[in-house]
Protein backbone atom coordinates (compact mmCIF):
# COMPACT_ATOMS: atom_id res chain seq x y z
CA MET A 1 0.00 0.00 0.00
CA ALA A 2 1.46 3.41 -0.97
CA ASP A 3 1.81 6.29 1.51
CA ASN A 4 2.44 9.76 0.02
CA LYS A 5 3.80 11.25 3.26
CA ARG A 6 7.36 12.61 2.77
CA GLU A 7 9.70 12.33 5.76
CA ILE A 8 13.39 11.93 6.69
CA ASP A 9 14.75 8.40 6.86
CA THR A 10 16.58 8.18 10.18
CA ALA A 11 19.02 5.49 9.03
CA THR A 12 20.38 7.47 6.04
CA ASN A 13 19.21 10.99 6.93
CA THR A 14 17.70 11.16 3.42
CA GLU A 15 14.26 12.47 2.57
CA THR A 16 11.85 9.86 1.25
CA THR A 17 9.68 10.26 -1.84
CA GLY A 18 6.57 9.61 0.23
CA HIS A 19 6.04 6.23 -1.40
CA GLU A 20 5.86 3.09 0.68
CA TRP A 21 5.18 -0.52 -0.33
CA ASP A 22 4.88 -3.28 2.21
CA GLY A 23 6.71 -1.19 4.81
CA ILE A 24 9.56 -0.30 2.46
CA ARG A 25 10.07 3.44 1.95
CA GLU A 26 11.56 4.82 -1.26
CA LEU A 27 14.43 7.23 -0.67
CA ASP A 28 14.74 10.40 -2.72
CA THR A 29 18.48 9.95 -3.17
CA PRO A 30 20.10 12.64 -5.35
CA MET A 31 22.01 11.58 -8.49
CA PRO A 32 25.81 11.31 -8.10
CA ARG A 33 27.58 14.57 -8.95
CA TRP A 34 29.75 12.89 -11.62
CA TRP A 35 26.63 11.62 -13.36
CA LEU A 36 25.01 15.06 -13.34
CA ILE A 37 28.16 16.68 -14.71
CA THR A 38 28.31 14.08 -17.51
CA PHE A 39 24.64 14.65 -18.29
CA TYR A 40 25.11 18.43 -18.53
CA ILE A 41 28.17 17.94 -20.76
CA THR A 42 26.09 15.82 -23.18
CA ILE A 43 23.52 18.61 -23.37
CA VAL A 44 26.19 21.19 -24.14
CA TRP A 45 27.78 18.82 -26.68
CA ALA A 46 24.43 18.27 -28.40
CA ILE A 47 23.88 22.01 -28.74
CA ILE A 48 27.36 22.55 -30.17
CA TYR A 49 26.87 19.62 -32.57
CA THR A 50 23.59 21.00 -33.93
CA ILE A 51 25.33 24.31 -34.60
CA PHE A 52 28.33 22.92 -36.47
CA MET A 53 26.92 19.76 -38.12
CA PRO A 54 23.79 18.90 -40.16
CA ALA A 55 21.18 18.11 -37.55
CA TRP A 56 17.65 19.45 -37.64
CA PRO A 57 15.44 17.81 -40.28
CA MET A 58 13.56 20.10 -42.65
CA ILE A 59 11.02 19.38 -45.39
CA ASN A 60 13.52 18.52 -48.15
CA SER A 61 16.84 18.51 -46.33
CA ALA A 62 18.39 19.34 -42.96
CA THR A 63 20.17 22.30 -41.42
CA PRO A 64 23.63 22.31 -43.05
CA GLY A 65 25.59 23.39 -39.99
CA ILE A 66 28.48 25.86 -39.89
CA LEU A 67 30.98 23.24 -41.14
CA GLY A 68 28.75 22.27 -44.07
CA TYR A 69 29.69 18.60 -43.76
CA SER A 70 27.92 16.10 -46.06
CA SER A 71 28.33 12.33 -45.83
CA ARG A 72 27.08 12.06 -49.42
CA GLU A 73 29.79 14.42 -50.60
CA GLU A 74 32.39 12.47 -48.64
CA VAL A 75 31.31 9.21 -50.31
CA ALA A 76 31.28 10.92 -53.72
CA GLN A 77 34.84 12.13 -53.14
CA GLU A 78 35.95 8.65 -52.10
CA LEU A 79 34.37 7.17 -55.23
CA ALA A 80 36.01 9.80 -57.40
CA THR A 81 39.37 9.02 -55.83
CA ALA A 82 38.86 5.28 -56.37
CA ASN A 83 37.82 5.85 -59.98
CA GLU A 84 40.89 7.99 -60.55
CA VAL A 85 43.14 5.26 -59.16
CA ASN A 86 41.37 2.58 -61.25
CA ALA A 87 41.25 4.64 -64.46
CA PRO A 88 44.46 3.17 -65.96
CA LEU A 89 43.22 -0.38 -65.35
CA ASP A 90 39.79 0.45 -66.78
CA GLU A 91 41.47 1.89 -69.87
CA ARG A 92 43.55 -1.25 -70.34
CA LEU A 93 40.45 -3.39 -69.89
CA ALA A 94 38.51 -1.36 -72.46
CA ASN A 95 41.25 -1.54 -75.09
CA MET A 96 42.14 -5.22 -74.69
CA GLU A 97 40.44 -8.20 -76.27
CA ILE A 98 38.31 -9.70 -73.52
CA THR A 99 39.79 -13.14 -74.16
CA SER A 100 43.28 -11.74 -73.50
CA VAL A 101 42.45 -10.48 -70.01
CA VAL A 102 42.99 -13.94 -68.52
CA GLU A 103 46.65 -13.66 -69.59
CA ASP A 104 47.18 -10.54 -67.47
CA PRO A 105 47.08 -11.55 -63.76
CA GLU A 106 46.81 -7.98 -62.45
CA LEU A 107 44.00 -7.06 -64.82
CA LEU A 108 42.24 -10.37 -64.22
CA ARG A 109 42.20 -9.79 -60.45
CA PHE A 110 40.93 -6.26 -60.99
CA ALA A 111 38.18 -7.36 -63.38
CA THR A 112 37.10 -10.29 -61.22
CA ALA A 113 36.84 -8.18 -58.07
CA GLY A 114 34.88 -5.47 -59.84
CA GLY A 115 32.72 -8.00 -61.66
CA GLY A 116 31.82 -9.69 -58.37
CA ALA A 117 30.53 -6.41 -56.97
CA ILE A 118 28.56 -5.72 -60.15
CA PHE A 119 27.09 -9.23 -60.11
CA ARG A 120 25.92 -8.91 -56.51
CA ASN A 121 24.33 -5.55 -57.27
CA TYR A 122 22.65 -6.30 -60.61
CA CYS A 123 22.47 -10.08 -61.14
CA SER A 124 22.15 -11.88 -57.82
CA GLN A 125 18.46 -11.00 -57.49
CA CYS A 126 17.68 -13.55 -60.22
CA HIS A 127 20.72 -15.81 -60.38
CA GLY A 128 21.27 -15.95 -56.61
CA ALA A 129 24.19 -14.66 -54.53
CA GLY A 130 26.14 -17.82 -55.39
CA ALA A 131 25.04 -17.76 -59.07
CA ALA A 132 23.35 -21.16 -58.73
CA GLY A 133 20.10 -19.85 -60.22
CA ALA A 134 16.70 -21.35 -59.47
CA VAL A 135 14.08 -23.48 -61.18
CA GLY A 136 11.58 -21.18 -62.83
CA GLY A 137 13.68 -19.45 -65.45
CA TYR A 138 16.87 -18.40 -63.63
CA PRO A 139 19.89 -20.21 -65.14
CA ASN A 140 22.64 -21.74 -63.04
CA LEU A 141 25.87 -19.99 -64.02
CA LEU A 142 28.11 -22.51 -62.26
CA ASP A 143 27.62 -25.43 -64.64
CA ASP A 144 28.63 -25.80 -68.27
CA ASP A 145 25.12 -25.82 -69.70
CA TRP A 146 24.62 -22.59 -71.64
CA LEU A 147 21.58 -21.72 -73.71
CA TRP A 148 23.42 -19.08 -75.74
CA GLY A 149 27.05 -20.07 -75.21
CA GLY A 150 29.40 -19.68 -72.29
CA THR A 151 32.52 -18.17 -73.86
CA LEU A 152 33.67 -14.76 -72.66
CA ALA A 153 32.41 -13.20 -75.89
CA ASP A 154 29.04 -14.98 -75.58
CA ILE A 155 28.56 -13.86 -71.98
CA GLN A 156 29.55 -10.30 -72.88
CA GLN A 157 27.00 -10.29 -75.72
CA THR A 158 24.24 -11.60 -73.44
CA LEU A 159 25.00 -9.03 -70.74
CA THR A 160 25.13 -6.19 -73.24
CA HIS A 161 21.95 -6.94 -75.18
CA GLY A 162 19.94 -9.24 -72.91
CA ILE A 163 17.60 -12.07 -73.82
CA ARG A 164 14.28 -11.28 -75.55
CA TYR A 165 14.64 -7.71 -74.30
CA GLU A 166 12.53 -5.86 -76.83
CA GLU A 167 14.01 -2.44 -76.04
CA ASP A 168 17.35 -3.58 -77.48
CA PRO A 169 17.29 -4.32 -81.23
CA ASP A 170 20.35 -6.57 -80.89
CA THR A 171 18.94 -8.71 -78.09
CA ARG A 172 19.22 -12.48 -78.32
CA TYR A 173 15.84 -13.75 -79.40
CA SER A 174 14.08 -17.08 -79.77
CA GLN A 175 10.47 -18.16 -79.39
CA MET A 176 9.15 -21.61 -78.64
CA PRO A 177 5.60 -22.12 -79.94
CA ALA A 178 2.80 -22.91 -77.52
CA PHE A 179 1.87 -26.35 -78.79
CA GLY A 180 -1.35 -26.34 -76.82
CA ASP A 181 -2.76 -24.42 -79.79
CA ILE A 182 -1.27 -26.86 -82.31
CA LEU A 183 -1.33 -30.41 -80.92
CA GLU A 184 -3.91 -32.53 -79.21
CA GLU A 185 -3.55 -33.40 -75.53
CA GLU A 186 -2.64 -37.00 -76.34
CA GLU A 187 0.08 -35.83 -78.73
CA ILE A 188 1.51 -33.51 -76.07
CA ASN A 189 1.58 -36.38 -73.62
CA SER A 190 3.48 -38.48 -76.17
CA LEU A 191 5.98 -35.65 -76.59
CA VAL A 192 6.38 -35.44 -72.81
CA GLN A 193 7.17 -39.14 -72.62
CA TYR A 194 9.65 -38.86 -75.49
CA VAL A 195 11.44 -35.92 -73.83
CA LEU A 196 11.60 -37.92 -70.59
CA SER A 197 13.20 -40.76 -72.51
CA LEU A 198 15.85 -38.41 -73.92
CA SER A 199 17.12 -37.71 -70.41
CA ASN A 200 16.82 -41.34 -69.31
CA GLN A 201 13.98 -40.65 -66.90
CA GLU A 202 11.14 -43.04 -66.14
CA HIS A 203 8.70 -42.91 -69.03
CA ASP A 204 6.00 -44.75 -70.96
CA ALA A 205 7.92 -46.46 -73.76
CA GLU A 206 4.86 -46.90 -76.00
CA ALA A 207 3.85 -43.24 -75.70
CA ALA A 208 7.47 -42.16 -76.17
CA GLY A 209 7.60 -44.16 -79.39
CA ALA A 210 4.55 -42.31 -80.65
CA GLY A 211 6.19 -39.02 -79.68
CA THR A 212 9.33 -39.65 -81.75
CA GLU A 213 7.81 -38.52 -85.04
CA LEU A 214 6.07 -35.61 -83.33
CA PHE A 215 9.41 -34.47 -81.95
CA MET A 216 11.11 -34.72 -85.34
CA ASP A 217 8.32 -32.79 -87.02
CA ASN A 218 7.86 -30.07 -84.41
CA CYS A 219 10.92 -29.79 -82.16
CA SER A 220 14.06 -31.02 -83.88
CA ALA A 221 14.51 -27.85 -85.92
CA CYS A 222 15.59 -26.06 -82.75
CA HIS A 223 16.52 -28.81 -80.28
CA GLY A 224 18.23 -30.98 -82.89
CA GLU A 225 17.32 -34.47 -83.94
CA ASP A 226 19.30 -35.84 -81.00
CA GLY A 227 17.64 -33.38 -78.59
CA LYS A 228 20.94 -31.80 -77.54
CA GLY A 229 19.82 -28.28 -78.36
CA MET A 230 21.33 -25.48 -80.41
CA GLN A 231 23.06 -22.54 -78.77
CA ASP A 232 22.57 -20.24 -81.75
CA GLN A 233 18.82 -20.73 -81.23
CA GLY A 234 18.90 -20.58 -77.45
CA ALA A 235 17.32 -24.05 -77.49
CA PRO A 236 18.17 -26.12 -74.39
CA ASN A 237 19.74 -29.56 -74.33
CA LEU A 238 16.98 -32.04 -73.46
CA THR A 239 19.27 -35.01 -72.89
CA ASP A 240 20.91 -33.90 -69.64
CA SER A 241 19.41 -33.47 -66.18
CA ILE A 242 19.57 -29.67 -66.19
CA TRP A 243 16.14 -28.08 -66.44
CA LEU A 244 15.42 -24.37 -66.39
CA TYR A 245 11.71 -24.78 -65.63
CA GLY A 246 11.69 -28.26 -64.15
CA GLY A 247 12.12 -31.72 -65.69
CA ASP A 248 9.19 -33.57 -64.14
CA PRO A 249 6.31 -34.64 -66.43
CA GLU A 250 4.00 -31.84 -65.28
CA SER A 251 6.60 -29.12 -65.85
CA ILE A 252 7.54 -30.48 -69.26
CA ALA A 253 3.88 -30.70 -70.24
CA THR A 254 3.36 -27.07 -69.21
CA THR A 255 6.41 -26.00 -71.22
CA ILE A 256 5.16 -27.79 -74.33
CA HIS A 257 1.56 -26.68 -73.93
CA ASP A 258 2.10 -23.02 -72.99
CA SER A 259 5.70 -22.33 -74.04
CA ARG A 260 8.17 -20.27 -71.99
CA PHE A 261 9.35 -16.73 -72.57
CA GLY A 262 12.06 -15.79 -70.07
CA ILE A 263 13.46 -12.27 -70.34
CA MET A 264 16.82 -10.93 -69.21
CA PRO A 265 17.33 -7.16 -69.36
CA ALA A 266 20.10 -5.62 -71.43
CA PHE A 267 22.78 -3.90 -69.39
CA GLY A 268 24.37 -2.07 -72.31
CA GLY A 269 22.46 1.09 -71.41
CA ARG A 270 23.01 0.78 -67.67
CA LEU A 271 26.65 -0.22 -67.30
CA SER A 272 29.80 0.98 -69.00
CA ASP A 273 31.59 -1.31 -71.44
CA GLU A 274 34.31 -1.81 -68.83
CA ASP A 275 31.78 -2.88 -66.18
CA ILE A 276 30.09 -5.29 -68.58
CA ARG A 277 33.50 -6.81 -69.32
CA LYS A 278 34.17 -7.15 -65.58
CA ALA A 279 30.82 -8.89 -65.04
CA ALA A 280 31.43 -11.22 -67.99
CA ILE A 281 34.88 -12.15 -66.71
CA TYR A 282 33.54 -12.73 -63.19
CA VAL A 283 30.75 -15.03 -64.45
CA HIS A 284 33.21 -16.88 -66.66
CA THR A 285 35.53 -17.53 -63.71
CA LEU A 286 32.75 -19.05 -61.61
CA GLY A 287 33.50 -22.42 -63.14
CA GLY A 288 30.89 -22.85 -65.83
CA GLY A 289 32.39 -20.70 -68.55
CA GLN A 290 33.36 -22.46 -71.76
């Protein structure tokens, strides 16, 4: 029960706050002098800081302070300094055949480090931080299975102009028909079974046999008669176990019925030629480059 009567505590000769709980009185002990001095110093420091440094928020900015310090300007100066230091290497990278960079250890280290930063900033959102991609249209860049080729020049071309990116007239382009508008459901199922057989998956042999002619008539022009794909068409290899949209019967049936139309943006208008070269070299060094 609280008692609001203030009195002097005889044991400590300190005034109480007037509060009491279960016979225990709360003392009104003053703060230590050192603590008060520290507290007052922080107040004075805060006032001085708001005078000299940006502090008070305004509608579109903040008070600039007498010193006019700007963290943005400091970062901009640091970037300008870094760019100035890297300018000779960037110039060498721009004027050298991209395939020759691997023969220059210093330039290769420079390009790989810069390309890694560019990849994490622009590419990892789709291809993953480790570049392993994901089922659903995001290629794994660590293996040696490339839709459009995995040489340095091929990767540079893809980065520069994108895939099916209509805003770039030089984009890589291919279009698989939606066979749901062309073939009957039974024919699509036969094709599914034939595609499963190409990659040595469990399949219906009789249906796969019926799908052989359908494949030759409708699919071999792009995927090849052996189903191993054609990089100049961006047509995937159907004989391995690497699937961009999934290799189970349902996923294959969806691909055949509805087609796929993955898009990669072109970075030619966003990044400099040097940065595109860095990104291409970095991707190529991940282990899957041809």
